């Protein structure tokens, strides 16, 4: 009941959250796409010959993930600028 009440309170307080959802998702996306690859690179050394291919793959995937996240943030901001954000508190639409 508590979580249902909190969810209802957030939905009534911030009815404009669905228009911000793409931006919030694009900002949070590197946590699953890029950071694990970049953390693996930070933890492993590239001194041994066997890790070079895996290190390069992680670098490629981490860079690709970050580039995708930057493009998604730009697209979300573009969409917000195009449609506008009509923020109204405690006024359901």
PDB file of N, CA and C in Angstrom:
ATOM      1  N   UNK A   1       0.823  -1.175   0.000  1.00  0.00           N
ATOM      2  CA  UNK A   1       0.000   0.000   0.000  1.00  0.00           C
ATOM      3  C   UNK A   1       0.877   1.251   0.000  1.00  0.00           C
ATOM      4  N   UNK A   2       2.022   1.170   0.683  1.00  0.00           N
ATOM      5  CA  UNK A   2       2.901   2.331   0.733  1.00  0.00           C
ATOM      6  C   UNK A   2       3.424   2.681  -0.657  1.00  0.00           C
ATOM      7  N   UNK A   3       3.928   1.658  -1.375  1.00  0.00           N
ATOM      8  CA  UNK A   3       4.471   1.927  -2.705  1.00  0.00           C
ATOM      9  C   UNK A   3       3.383   2.365  -3.685  1.00  0.00           C
ATOM     10  N   UNK A   4       2.196   1.824  -3.542  1.00  0.00           N
ATOM     11  CA  UNK A   4       1.080   2.289  -4.363  1.00  0.00           C
ATOM     12  C   UNK A   4       0.756   3.738  -4.087  1.00  0.00           C
ATOM     13  N   UNK A   5       0.778   4.118  -2.819  1.00  0.00           N
ATOM     14  CA  UNK A   5       0.528   5.515  -2.457  1.00  0.00           C
ATOM     15  C   UNK A   5       1.608   6.447  -2.964  1.00  0.00           C
ATOM     16  N   UNK A   6       2.862   6.013  -2.865  1.00  0.00           N
ATOM     17  CA  UNK A   6       3.959   6.836  -3.373  1.00  0.00           C
ATOM     18  C   UNK A   6       3.858   6.987  -4.885  1.00  0.00           C
ATOM     19  N   UNK A   7       3.538   5.914  -5.577  1.00  0.00           N
ATOM     20  CA  UNK A   7       3.380   5.971  -7.027  1.00  0.00           C
ATOM     21  C   UNK A   7       2.242   6.899  -7.420  1.00  0.00           C
ATOM     22  N   UNK A   8       1.136   6.817  -6.719  1.00  0.00           N
ATOM     23  CA  UNK A   8       0.000   7.700  -7.001  1.00  0.00           C
ATOM     24  C   UNK A   8       0.377   9.152  -6.741  1.00  0.00           C
ATOM     25  N   UNK A   9       1.090   9.407  -5.650  1.00  0.00           N
ATOM     26  CA  UNK A   9       1.509  10.772  -5.326  1.00  0.00           C
ATOM     27  C   UNK A   9       2.420  11.339  -6.410  1.00  0.00           C
ATOM     28  N   UNK A  10       3.372  10.530  -6.881  1.00  0.00           N
ATOM     29  CA  UNK A  10       4.274  10.988  -7.939  1.00  0.00           C
ATOM     30  C   UNK A  10       3.503  11.233  -9.232  1.00  0.00           C
ATOM     31  N   UNK A  11       2.550  10.355  -9.557  1.00  0.00           N
ATOM     32  CA  UNK A  11       1.777  10.518 -10.791  1.00  0.00           C
ATOM     33  C   UNK A  11       0.925  11.781 -10.757  1.00  0.00           C
ATOM     34  N   UNK A  12       0.369  12.127  -9.596  1.00  0.00           N
ATOM     35  CA  UNK A  12      -0.462  13.322  -9.492  1.00  0.00           C
ATOM     36  C   UNK A  12       0.411  14.575  -9.405  1.00  0.00           C
ATOM     37  N   UNK A  13       1.549  14.456  -8.725  1.00  0.00           N
ATOM     38  CA  UNK A  13       2.417  15.612  -8.551  1.00  0.00           C
ATOM     39  C   UNK A  13       3.142  15.986  -9.839  1.00  0.00           C
ATOM     40  N   UNK A  14       3.612  14.999 -10.552  1.00  0.00           N
ATOM     41  CA  UNK A  14       4.390  15.240 -11.769  1.00  0.00           C
ATOM     42  C   UNK A  14       3.718  14.601 -12.976  1.00  0.00           C
ATOM     43  N   UNK A  15       2.638  15.182 -13.487  1.00  0.00           N
ATOM     44  CA  UNK A  15       1.966  14.564 -14.635  1.00  0.00           C
ATOM     45  C   UNK A  15       2.737  14.703 -15.945  1.00  0.00           C
ATOM     46  N   UNK A  16       3.810  15.475 -15.935  1.00  0.00           N
ATOM     47  CA  UNK A  16       4.594  15.673 -17.156  1.00  0.00           C
ATOM     48  C   UNK A  16       5.763  14.695 -17.256  1.00  0.00           C
ATOM     49  N   UNK A  17       5.867  13.734 -16.360  1.00  0.00           N
ATOM     50  CA  UNK A  17       6.969  12.776 -16.400  1.00  0.00           C
ATOM     51  C   UNK A  17       7.018  11.928 -17.681  1.00  0.00           C
ATOM     52  N   UNK A  18       5.891  11.558 -18.293  1.00  0.00           N
ATOM     53  CA  UNK A  18       6.020  10.799 -19.548  1.00  0.00           C
ATOM     54  C   UNK A  18       6.750  11.552 -20.655  1.00  0.00           C
ATOM     55  N   UNK A  19       6.681  12.870 -20.656  1.00  0.00           N
ATOM     56  CA  UNK A  19       7.423  13.610 -21.676  1.00  0.00           C
ATOM     57  C   UNK A  19       8.910  13.693 -21.334  1.00  0.00           C
ATOM     58  N   UNK A  20       9.265  13.495 -20.067  1.00  0.00           N
ATOM     59  CA  UNK A  20      10.670  13.476 -19.668  1.00  0.00           C
ATOM     60  C   UNK A  20      11.272  12.077 -19.679  1.00  0.00           C
ATOM     61  N   UNK A  21      10.461  11.062 -19.849  1.00  0.00           N
ATOM     62  CA  UNK A  21      10.937   9.682 -19.785  1.00  0.00           C
ATOM     63  C   UNK A  21      12.039   9.374 -20.795  1.00  0.00           C
ATOM     64  N   UNK A  22      11.959   9.820 -22.056  1.00  0.00           N
ATOM     65  CA  UNK A  22      13.071   9.525 -22.974  1.00  0.00           C
ATOM     66  C   UNK A  22      14.398  10.138 -22.521  1.00  0.00           C
ATOM     67  N   UNK A  23      14.344  11.334 -21.967  1.00  0.00           N
ATOM     68  CA  UNK A  23      15.575  11.976 -21.503  1.00  0.00           C
ATOM     69  C   UNK A  23      16.144  11.249 -20.293  1.00  0.00           C
ATOM     70  N   UNK A  24      15.298  10.885 -19.355  1.00  0.00           N
ATOM     71  CA  UNK A  24      15.752  10.156 -18.171  1.00  0.00           C
ATOM     72  C   UNK A  24      16.323   8.795 -18.575  1.00  0.00           C
ATOM     73  N   UNK A  25      15.664   8.123 -19.498  1.00  0.00           N
ATOM     74  CA  UNK A  25      16.154   6.832 -19.973  1.00  0.00           C
ATOM     75  C   UNK A  25      17.470   6.945 -20.716  1.00  0.00           C
ATOM     76  N   UNK A  26      17.623   7.988 -21.523  1.00  0.00           N
ATOM     77  CA  UNK A  26      18.862   8.159 -22.279  1.00  0.00           C
ATOM     78  C   UNK A  26      20.031   8.488 -21.363  1.00  0.00           C
ATOM     79  N   UNK A  27      19.770   9.204 -20.286  1.00  0.00           N
ATOM     80  CA  UNK A  27      20.837   9.527 -19.335  1.00  0.00           C
ATOM     81  C   UNK A  27      21.232   8.289 -18.532  1.00  0.00           C
ATOM     82  N   UNK A  28      20.265   7.422 -18.238  1.00  0.00           N
ATOM     83  CA  UNK A  28      20.545   6.230 -17.444  1.00  0.00           C
ATOM     84  C   UNK A  28      21.056   5.055 -18.282  1.00  0.00           C
ATOM     85  N   UNK A  29      20.962   5.118 -19.587  1.00  0.00           N
ATOM     86  CA  UNK A  29      21.328   3.998 -20.446  1.00  0.00           C
ATOM     87  C   UNK A  29      22.804   3.600 -20.386  1.00  0.00           C
ATOM     88  N   UNK A  30      23.740   4.516 -20.181  1.00  0.00           N
ATOM     89  CA  UNK A  30      25.146   4.073 -20.102  1.00  0.00           C
ATOM     90  C   UNK A  30      25.418   3.096 -18.962  1.00  0.00           C
ATOM     91  N   UNK A  31      24.571   3.073 -17.945  1.00  0.00           N
ATOM     92  CA  UNK A  31      24.775   2.125 -16.849  1.00  0.00           C
ATOM     93  C   UNK A  31      24.728   0.684 -17.332  1.00  0.00           C
ATOM     94  N   UNK A  32      23.950   0.416 -18.367  1.00  0.00           N
ATOM     95  CA  UNK A  32      23.852  -0.946 -18.871  1.00  0.00           C
ATOM     96  C   UNK A  32      24.625  -1.155 -20.170  1.00  0.00           C
ATOM     97  N   UNK A  33      24.837  -0.118 -20.950  1.00  0.00           N
ATOM     98  CA  UNK A  33      25.502  -0.294 -22.243  1.00  0.00           C
ATOM     99  C   UNK A  33      27.006  -0.082 -22.204  1.00  0.00           C
ATOM    100  N   UNK A  34      27.454   0.984 -21.577  1.00  0.00           N
ATOM    101  CA  UNK A  34      28.850   1.357 -21.720  1.00  0.00           C
ATOM    102  C   UNK A  34      29.684   1.130 -20.466  1.00  0.00           C
ATOM    103  N   UNK A  35      29.162   1.440 -19.312  1.00  0.00           N
ATOM    104  CA  UNK A  35      29.973   1.390 -18.103  1.00  0.00           C
ATOM    105  C   UNK A  35      30.547   0.013 -17.794  1.00  0.00           C
ATOM    106  N   UNK A  36      29.817  -1.090 -17.976  1.00  0.00           N
ATOM    107  CA  UNK A  36      30.451  -2.389 -17.701  1.00  0.00           C
ATOM    108  C   UNK A  36      31.672  -2.656 -18.578  1.00  0.00           C
ATOM    109  N   UNK A  37      31.593  -2.289 -19.839  1.00  0.00           N
ATOM    110  CA  UNK A  37      32.737  -2.489 -20.733  1.00  0.00           C
ATOM    111  C   UNK A  37      33.917  -1.613 -20.312  1.00  0.00           C
ATOM    112  N   UNK A  38      33.634  -0.373 -19.969  1.00  0.00           N
ATOM    113  CA  UNK A  38      34.706   0.532 -19.583  1.00  0.00           C
ATOM    114  C   UNK A  38      35.276   0.169 -18.211  1.00  0.00           C
ATOM    115  N   UNK A  39      34.449  -0.354 -17.326  1.00  0.00           N
ATOM    116  CA  UNK A  39      34.959  -0.808 -16.030  1.00  0.00           C
ATOM    117  C   UNK A  39      35.864  -2.033 -16.213  1.00  0.00           C
ATOM    118  N   UNK A  40      35.520  -2.919 -17.136  1.00  0.00           N
ATOM    119  CA  UNK A  40      36.353  -4.094 -17.402  1.00  0.00           C
ATOM    120  C   UNK A  40      37.718  -3.639 -17.909  1.00  0.00           C
ATOM    121  N   UNK A  41      37.717  -2.639 -18.798  1.00  0.00           N
ATOM    122  CA  UNK A  41      38.977  -2.112 -19.321  1.00  0.00           C
ATOM    123  C   UNK A  41      39.805  -1.509 -18.194  1.00  0.00           C
ATOM    124  N   UNK A  42      39.150  -0.802 -17.277  1.00  0.00           N
ATOM    125  CA  UNK A  42      39.878  -0.175 -16.167  1.00  0.00           C
ATOM    126  C   UNK A  42      40.471  -1.214 -15.218  1.00  0.00           C
ATOM    127  N   UNK A  43      39.810  -2.355 -15.078  1.00  0.00           N
ATOM    128  CA  UNK A  43      40.294  -3.380 -14.144  1.00  0.00           C
ATOM    129  C   UNK A  43      41.355  -4.281 -14.757  1.00  0.00           C
ATOM    130  N   UNK A  44      41.317  -4.501 -16.049  1.00  0.00           N
ATOM    131  CA  UNK A  44      42.240  -5.437 -16.696  1.00  0.00           C
ATOM    132  C   UNK A  44      43.390  -4.681 -17.356  1.00  0.00           C
ATOM    133  N   UNK A  45      44.557  -5.312 -17.354  1.00  0.00           N
ATOM    134  CA  UNK A  45      45.700  -4.775 -18.080  1.00  0.00           C
ATOM    135  C   UNK A  45      45.741  -5.402 -19.462  1.00  0.00           C
ATOM    136  N   UNK A  46      46.315  -4.694 -20.402  1.00  0.00           N
ATOM    137  CA  UNK A  46      46.427  -5.210 -21.766  1.00  0.00           C
ATOM    138  C   UNK A  46      47.838  -5.740 -22.016  1.00  0.00           C
ATOM    139  N   UNK A  47      48.520  -6.198 -20.966  1.00  0.00           N
ATOM    140  CA  UNK A  47      49.903  -6.640 -21.111  1.00  0.00           C
ATOM    141  C   UNK A  47      50.009  -8.027 -21.730  1.00  0.00           C
ATOM    142  N   UNK A  48      49.107  -8.907 -21.387  1.00  0.00           N
ATOM    143  CA  UNK A  48      49.193 -10.258 -21.945  1.00  0.00           C
ATOM    144  C   UNK A  48      48.581 -10.284 -23.339  1.00  0.00           C
ATOM    145  N   UNK A  49      49.086 -11.159 -24.176  1.00  0.00           N
ATOM    146  CA  UNK A  49      48.661 -11.203 -25.569  1.00  0.00           C
ATOM    147  C   UNK A  49      47.238 -11.685 -25.764  1.00  0.00           C
ATOM    148  N   UNK A  50      46.729 -12.527 -24.863  1.00  0.00           N
ATOM    149  CA  UNK A  50      45.392 -13.076 -25.031  1.00  0.00           C
ATOM    150  C   UNK A  50      44.270 -12.088 -24.760  1.00  0.00           C
ATOM    151  N   UNK A  51      44.552 -11.088 -23.950  1.00  0.00           N
ATOM    152  CA  UNK A  51      43.506 -10.126 -23.583  1.00  0.00           C
ATOM    153  C   UNK A  51      43.364  -8.978 -24.565  1.00  0.00           C
ATOM    154  N   UNK A  52      44.225  -8.892 -25.553  1.00  0.00           N
ATOM    155  CA  UNK A  52      44.203  -7.753 -26.472  1.00  0.00           C
ATOM    156  C   UNK A  52      42.904  -7.725 -27.271  1.00  0.00           C
ATOM    157  N   UNK A  53      42.454  -8.860 -27.764  1.00  0.00           N
ATOM    158  CA  UNK A  53      41.224  -8.903 -28.561  1.00  0.00           C
ATOM    159  C   UNK A  53      40.005  -8.576 -27.704  1.00  0.00           C
ATOM    160  N   UNK A  54      39.956  -9.126 -26.498  1.00  0.00           N
ATOM    161  CA  UNK A  54      38.824  -8.853 -25.607  1.00  0.00           C
ATOM    162  C   UNK A  54      38.857  -7.403 -25.153  1.00  0.00           C
ATOM    163  N   UNK A  55      40.053  -6.877 -24.883  1.00  0.00           N
ATOM    164  CA  UNK A  55      40.199  -5.488 -24.478  1.00  0.00           C
ATOM    165  C   UNK A  55      39.715  -4.563 -25.600  1.00  0.00           C
ATOM    166  N   UNK A  56      40.105  -4.862 -26.839  1.00  0.00           N
ATOM    167  CA  UNK A  56      39.672  -4.058 -27.983  1.00  0.00           C
ATOM    168  C   UNK A  56      38.165  -4.155 -28.207  1.00  0.00           C
ATOM    169  N   UNK A  57      37.595  -5.351 -28.023  1.00  0.00           N
ATOM    170  CA  UNK A  57      36.153  -5.516 -28.164  1.00  0.00           C
ATOM    171  C   UNK A  57      35.410  -4.701 -27.109  1.00  0.00           C
ATOM    172  N   UNK A  58      35.905  -4.740 -25.876  1.00  0.00           N
ATOM    173  CA  UNK A  58      35.266  -3.955 -24.822  1.00  0.00           C
ATOM    174  C   UNK A  58      35.402  -2.462 -25.085  1.00  0.00           C
ATOM    175  N   UNK A  59      36.538  -2.044 -25.598  1.00  0.00           N
ATOM    176  CA  UNK A  59      36.712  -0.637 -25.941  1.00  0.00           C
ATOM    177  C   UNK A  59      35.748  -0.227 -27.050  1.00  0.00           C
ATOM    178  N   UNK A  60      35.609  -1.073 -28.059  1.00  0.00           N
ATOM    179  CA  UNK A  60      34.682  -0.790 -29.159  1.00  0.00           C
ATOM    180  C   UNK A  60      33.238  -0.730 -28.661  1.00  0.00           C
ATOM    181  N   UNK A  61      32.842  -1.718 -27.869  1.00  0.00           N
ATOM    182  CA  UNK A  61      31.459  -1.742 -27.379  1.00  0.00           C
ATOM    183  C   UNK A  61      31.175  -0.599 -26.408  1.00  0.00           C
ATOM    184  N   UNK A  62      32.149  -0.262 -25.558  1.00  0.00           N
ATOM    185  CA  UNK A  62      31.970   0.864 -24.647  1.00  0.00           C
ATOM    186  C   UNK A  62      31.855   2.181 -25.396  1.00  0.00           C
ATOM    187  N   UNK A  63      32.685   2.369 -26.400  1.00  0.00           N
ATOM    188  CA  UNK A  63      32.617   3.588 -27.205  1.00  0.00           C
ATOM    189  C   UNK A  63      31.317   3.662 -27.996  1.00  0.00           C
ATOM    190  N   UNK A  64      30.901   2.533 -28.549  1.00  0.00           N
ATOM    191  CA  UNK A  64      29.641   2.490 -29.291  1.00  0.00           C
ATOM    192  C   UNK A  64      28.456   2.776 -28.372  1.00  0.00           C
ATOM    193  N   UNK A  65      28.493   2.220 -27.159  1.00  0.00           N
ATOM    194  CA  UNK A  65      27.429   2.473 -26.192  1.00  0.00           C
ATOM    195  C   UNK A  65      27.362   3.938 -25.795  1.00  0.00           C
ATOM    196  N   UNK A  66      28.511   4.566 -25.569  1.00  0.00           N
ATOM    197  CA  UNK A  66      28.526   5.986 -25.207  1.00  0.00           C
ATOM    198  C   UNK A  66      28.047   6.856 -26.364  1.00  0.00           C
ATOM    199  N   UNK A  67      28.444   6.515 -27.583  1.00  0.00           N
ATOM    200  CA  UNK A  67      27.986   7.275 -28.746  1.00  0.00           C
ATOM    201  C   UNK A  67      26.467   7.156 -28.910  1.00  0.00           C
ATOM    202  N   UNK A  68      25.949   5.948 -28.721  1.00  0.00           N
ATOM    203  CA  UNK A  68      24.502   5.747 -28.807  1.00  0.00           C
ATOM    204  C   UNK A  68      23.777   6.547 -27.730  1.00  0.00           C
ATOM    205  N   UNK A  69      24.327   6.581 -26.529  1.00  0.00           N
ATOM    206  CA  UNK A  69      23.698   7.331 -25.437  1.00  0.00           C
ATOM    207  C   UNK A  69      23.714   8.827 -25.719  1.00  0.00           C
ATOM    208  N   UNK A  70      24.803   9.321 -26.292  1.00  0.00           N
ATOM    209  CA  UNK A  70      24.857  10.745 -26.647  1.00  0.00           C
ATOM    210  C   UNK A  70      23.813  11.058 -27.709  1.00  0.00           C
ATOM    211  N   UNK A  71      23.679  10.188 -28.703  1.00  0.00           N
ATOM    212  CA  UNK A  71      22.662  10.408 -29.741  1.00  0.00           C
ATOM    213  C   UNK A  71      21.249  10.369 -29.161  1.00  0.00           C
ATOM    214  N   UNK A  72      21.005   9.467 -28.221  1.00  0.00           N
ATOM    215  CA  UNK A  72      19.682   9.388 -27.603  1.00  0.00           C
ATOM    216  C   UNK A  72      19.372  10.613 -26.750  1.00  0.00           C
ATOM    217  N   UNK A  73      20.365  11.134 -26.051  1.00  0.00           N
ATOM    218  CA  UNK A  73      20.148  12.361 -25.265  1.00  0.00           C
ATOM    219  C   UNK A  73      19.847  13.525 -26.198  1.00  0.00           C
ATOM    220  N   UNK A  74      20.588  13.635 -27.290  1.00  0.00           N
ATOM    221  CA  UNK A  74      20.333  14.710 -28.257  1.00  0.00           C
ATOM    222  C   UNK A  74      18.926  14.572 -28.843  1.00  0.00           C
ATOM    223  N   UNK A  75      18.526  13.355 -29.180  1.00  0.00           N
ATOM    224  CA  UNK A  75      17.181  13.135 -29.712  1.00  0.00           C
ATOM    225  C   UNK A  75      16.093  13.451 -28.705  1.00  0.00           C
ATOM    226  N   UNK A  76      16.303  13.101 -27.444  1.00  0.00           N
ATOM    227  CA  UNK A  76      15.315  13.388 -26.410  1.00  0.00           C
ATOM    228  C   UNK A  76      15.193  14.886 -26.168  1.00  0.00           C
ATOM    229  N   UNK A  77      16.327  15.583 -26.146  1.00  0.00           N
ATOM    230  CA  UNK A  77      16.285  17.036 -25.966  1.00  0.00           C
ATOM    231  C   UNK A  77      15.634  17.690 -27.177  1.00  0.00           C
ATOM    232  N   UNK A  78      15.924  17.173 -28.361  1.00  0.00           N
ATOM    233  CA  UNK A  78      15.313  17.705 -29.582  1.00  0.00           C
ATOM    234  C   UNK A  78      13.786  17.526 -29.520  1.00  0.00           C
ATOM    235  N   UNK A  79      13.349  16.370 -29.104  1.00  0.00           N
ATOM    236  CA  UNK A  79      11.917  16.104 -28.985  1.00  0.00           C
ATOM    237  C   UNK A  79      11.262  17.016 -27.954  1.00  0.00           C
ATOM    238  N   UNK A  80      11.931  17.230 -26.828  1.00  0.00           N
ATOM    239  CA  UNK A  80      11.394  18.141 -25.815  1.00  0.00           C
ATOM    240  C   UNK A  80      11.325  19.568 -26.338  1.00  0.00           C
ATOM    241  N   UNK A  81      12.344  19.987 -27.085  1.00  0.00           N
ATOM    242  CA  UNK A  81      12.338  21.341 -27.637  1.00  0.00           C
ATOM    243  C   UNK A  81      11.260  21.492 -28.699  1.00  0.00           C
ATOM    244  N   UNK A  82      11.022  20.433 -29.456  1.00  0.00           N
ATOM    245  CA  UNK A  82      10.016  20.486 -30.522  1.00  0.00           C
ATOM    246  C   UNK A  82       8.591  20.488 -29.970  1.00  0.00           C
ATOM    247  N   UNK A  83       8.319  19.588 -29.031  1.00  0.00           N
ATOM    248  CA  UNK A  83       6.965  19.469 -28.481  1.00  0.00           C
ATOM    249  C   UNK A  83       6.714  20.410 -27.319  1.00  0.00           C
ATOM    250  N   UNK A  84       7.755  20.752 -26.604  1.00  0.00           N
ATOM    251  CA  UNK A  84       7.621  21.600 -25.428  1.00  0.00           C
ATOM    252  C   UNK A  84       7.272  20.777 -24.202  1.00  0.00           C
ATOM    253  N   UNK A  85       7.535  21.355 -23.063  1.00  0.00           N
ATOM    254  CA  UNK A  85       7.250  20.704 -21.794  1.00  0.00           C
ATOM    255  C   UNK A  85       6.261  21.576 -21.047  1.00  0.00           C
ATOM    256  N   UNK A  86       5.066  21.071 -20.876  1.00  0.00           N
ATOM    257  CA  UNK A  86       4.021  21.805 -20.170  1.00  0.00           C
ATOM    258  C   UNK A  86       3.956  21.250 -18.750  1.00  0.00           C
ATOM    259  N   UNK A  87       4.739  21.854 -17.877  1.00  0.00           N
ATOM    260  CA  UNK A  87       4.812  21.371 -16.500  1.00  0.00           C
ATOM    261  C   UNK A  87       3.727  22.040 -15.662  1.00  0.00           C
ATOM    262  N   UNK A  88       2.895  21.228 -15.063  1.00  0.00           N
ATOM    263  CA  UNK A  88       1.898  21.737 -14.132  1.00  0.00           C
ATOM    264  C   UNK A  88       1.816  20.768 -12.966  1.00  0.00           C
ATOM    265  N   UNK A  89       1.892  21.298 -11.782  1.00  0.00           N
ATOM    266  CA  UNK A  89       1.900  20.478 -10.585  1.00  0.00           C
ATOM    267  C   UNK A  89       0.494  20.408  -9.999  1.00  0.00           C
ATOM    268  N   UNK A  90       0.103  19.229  -9.570  1.00  0.00           N
ATOM    269  CA  UNK A  90      -1.186  18.969  -8.914  1.00  0.00           C
ATOM    270  C   UNK A  90      -2.374  19.380  -9.777  1.00  0.00           C
ATOM    271  N   UNK A  91      -2.219  19.309 -11.099  1.00  0.00           N
ATOM    272  CA  UNK A  91      -3.323  19.580 -12.014  1.00  0.00           C
ATOM    273  C   UNK A  91      -3.366  18.472 -13.047  1.00  0.00           C
ATOM    274  N   UNK A  92      -4.096  17.409 -12.785  1.00  0.00           N
ATOM    275  CA  UNK A  92      -4.169  16.318 -13.757  1.00  0.00           C
ATOM    276  C   UNK A  92      -4.763  16.803 -15.076  1.00  0.00           C
ATOM    277  N   UNK A  93      -4.239  16.270 -16.155  1.00  0.00           N
ATOM    278  CA  UNK A  93      -4.733  16.682 -17.475  1.00  0.00           C
ATOM    279  C   UNK A  93      -5.783  15.765 -18.000  1.00  0.00           C
TER     280      UNK A  93
END
